[in-house]
Amino acid sequence: MVGRHRLSPVRRQNTPALQAAEHGAFGTNRTNGSGLSIYNRELRLSGNYQINDELKFYHVIGFKVSCEQRLNAGITQTASNKRIIDGQSVAYGEFDGCNWATSASQPFR
């Protein structure tokens, strides 16, 4: 594997840091025909990160997010009525071994 972006968990809201890591690993506004997905890198999460807003995965093609501790690493949403990921024009990606959770009340949809 060439180049990995790695974050370390801290006990605070990590939304801006995770959004910046997503942009660093997968770029911004990459369309299927642009050929820029060859520059994507794996994003590895080493712990459980708390966020208070949705991560915006927009125009992301061919991505991989890996969580190192097999279901002990991932993302926890702490805000009410918020999703973990807001995805638009996302294709050919994978999430491996990640734990998705919420600590706030969420409406039934």
Protein backbone atom coordinates (compact mmCIF):
# COMPACT_ATOMS: atom_id res chain seq x y z
CA MET A 1 0.00 0.00 0.00
CA VAL A 2 1.35 3.38 -1.00
CA GLY A 3 0.61 6.27 1.33
CA ARG A 4 -1.89 6.10 4.16
CA HIS A 5 -3.62 8.85 6.07
CA ARG A 6 -3.79 8.05 9.76
CA LEU A 7 -5.64 9.80 12.58
CA SER A 8 -5.42 9.29 16.32
CA PRO A 9 -8.56 9.54 18.46
CA VAL A 10 -8.95 12.30 21.01
CA ARG A 11 -11.82 12.99 23.36
CA ARG A 12 -13.40 15.92 21.51
CA GLN A 13 -15.38 16.57 18.38
CA ASN A 14 -13.39 15.48 15.34
CA THR A 15 -15.68 16.59 12.51
CA PRO A 16 -13.29 19.15 10.91
CA ALA A 17 -10.28 16.84 11.25
CA LEU A 18 -12.09 13.84 9.76
CA GLN A 19 -13.48 15.98 6.93
CA ALA A 20 -9.96 17.25 6.16
CA ALA A 21 -8.62 13.67 6.24
CA GLU A 22 -11.37 12.58 3.83
CA HIS A 23 -10.43 15.40 1.45
CA GLY A 24 -6.74 14.52 1.77
CA ALA A 25 -7.28 10.82 1.09
CA PHE A 26 -9.92 11.03 -1.65
CA GLY A 27 -9.68 14.56 -3.05
CA THR A 28 -12.58 16.84 -3.83
CA ASN A 29 -14.95 16.89 -6.78
CA ARG A 30 -13.52 13.81 -8.49
CA THR A 31 -15.84 12.50 -11.15
CA ASN A 32 -15.81 9.05 -12.70
CA GLY A 33 -14.41 10.29 -16.01
CA SER A 34 -11.69 12.52 -14.54
CA GLY A 35 -9.21 9.69 -13.89
CA LEU A 36 -8.17 11.35 -10.60
CA SER A 37 -9.19 8.36 -8.47
CA ILE A 38 -5.71 6.89 -9.10
CA TYR A 39 -4.47 9.39 -6.52
CA ASN A 40 -6.80 8.12 -3.76
CA ARG A 41 -5.22 6.74 -0.60
CA GLU A 42 -6.60 4.47 2.10
CA LEU A 43 -8.01 6.30 5.12
CA ARG A 44 -7.32 4.32 8.32
CA LEU A 45 -9.11 4.98 11.58
CA SER A 46 -7.27 3.77 14.68
CA GLY A 47 -9.94 4.51 17.30
CA ASN A 48 -13.50 5.65 17.82
CA TYR A 49 -14.00 9.26 16.74
CA GLN A 50 -16.86 11.47 17.92
CA ILE A 51 -18.37 13.90 15.43
CA ASN A 52 -21.11 16.49 15.79
CA ASP A 53 -21.99 17.00 12.13
CA GLU A 54 -22.26 14.91 8.99
CA LEU A 55 -19.10 14.02 7.06
CA LYS A 56 -19.59 15.12 3.48
CA PHE A 57 -18.54 12.49 0.95
CA TYR A 58 -19.23 14.39 -2.29
CA HIS A 59 -17.98 13.14 -5.68
CA VAL A 60 -15.85 10.38 -4.15
CA ILE A 61 -14.90 7.57 -6.53
CA GLY A 62 -12.93 4.43 -5.58
CA PHE A 63 -12.30 4.93 -1.87
CA LYS A 64 -11.33 2.70 1.03
CA VAL A 65 -11.80 3.39 4.75
CA SER A 66 -10.32 0.81 7.15
CA CYS A 67 -10.81 0.64 10.89
CA GLU A 68 -7.88 -1.02 12.61
CA GLN A 69 -9.33 -2.66 15.72
CA ARG A 70 -12.13 -4.61 14.07
CA LEU A 71 -15.34 -2.97 15.33
CA ASN A 72 -13.61 -1.06 18.15
CA ALA A 73 -12.70 1.74 15.76
CA GLY A 74 -15.12 3.89 13.81
CA ILE A 75 -17.30 6.96 14.14
CA THR A 76 -19.89 7.99 16.75
CA GLN A 77 -22.40 10.74 15.92
CA THR A 78 -23.08 12.95 18.97
CA ALA A 79 -25.58 15.37 17.37
CA SER A 80 -29.32 14.76 17.20
CA ASN A 81 -30.98 14.37 13.80
CA LYS A 82 -27.65 14.00 11.96
CA ARG A 83 -26.36 11.14 9.83
CA ILE A 84 -22.76 10.02 10.05
CA ILE A 85 -22.11 10.40 6.32
CA ASP A 86 -23.85 12.58 3.78
CA GLY A 87 -22.93 11.01 0.47
CA GLN A 88 -23.58 12.41 -2.99
CA SER A 89 -22.13 10.95 -6.21
CA VAL A 90 -20.23 8.24 -4.33
CA ALA A 91 -19.20 5.02 -6.10
CA TYR A 92 -16.85 2.04 -5.91
CA GLY A 93 -15.84 2.39 -2.27
CA GLU A 94 -15.57 0.21 0.78
CA PHE A 95 -15.61 0.45 4.56
CA ASP A 96 -13.78 -2.37 6.36
CA GLY A 97 -14.33 -3.33 10.01
CA CYS A 98 -15.82 -0.02 11.11
CA ASN A 99 -18.21 0.55 14.01
CA TRP A 100 -20.96 3.11 13.41
CA ALA A 101 -22.79 4.46 16.46
CA THR A 102 -24.77 7.37 17.86
CA SER A 103 -24.90 8.78 21.36
CA ALA A 104 -27.77 11.21 20.62
CA SER A 105 -31.46 10.62 20.04
CA GLN A 106 -32.32 9.95 16.41
CA PRO A 107 -35.81 9.93 14.90
CA PHE A 108 -37.09 6.74 13.39
CA ARG A 109 -37.02 6.95 9.59
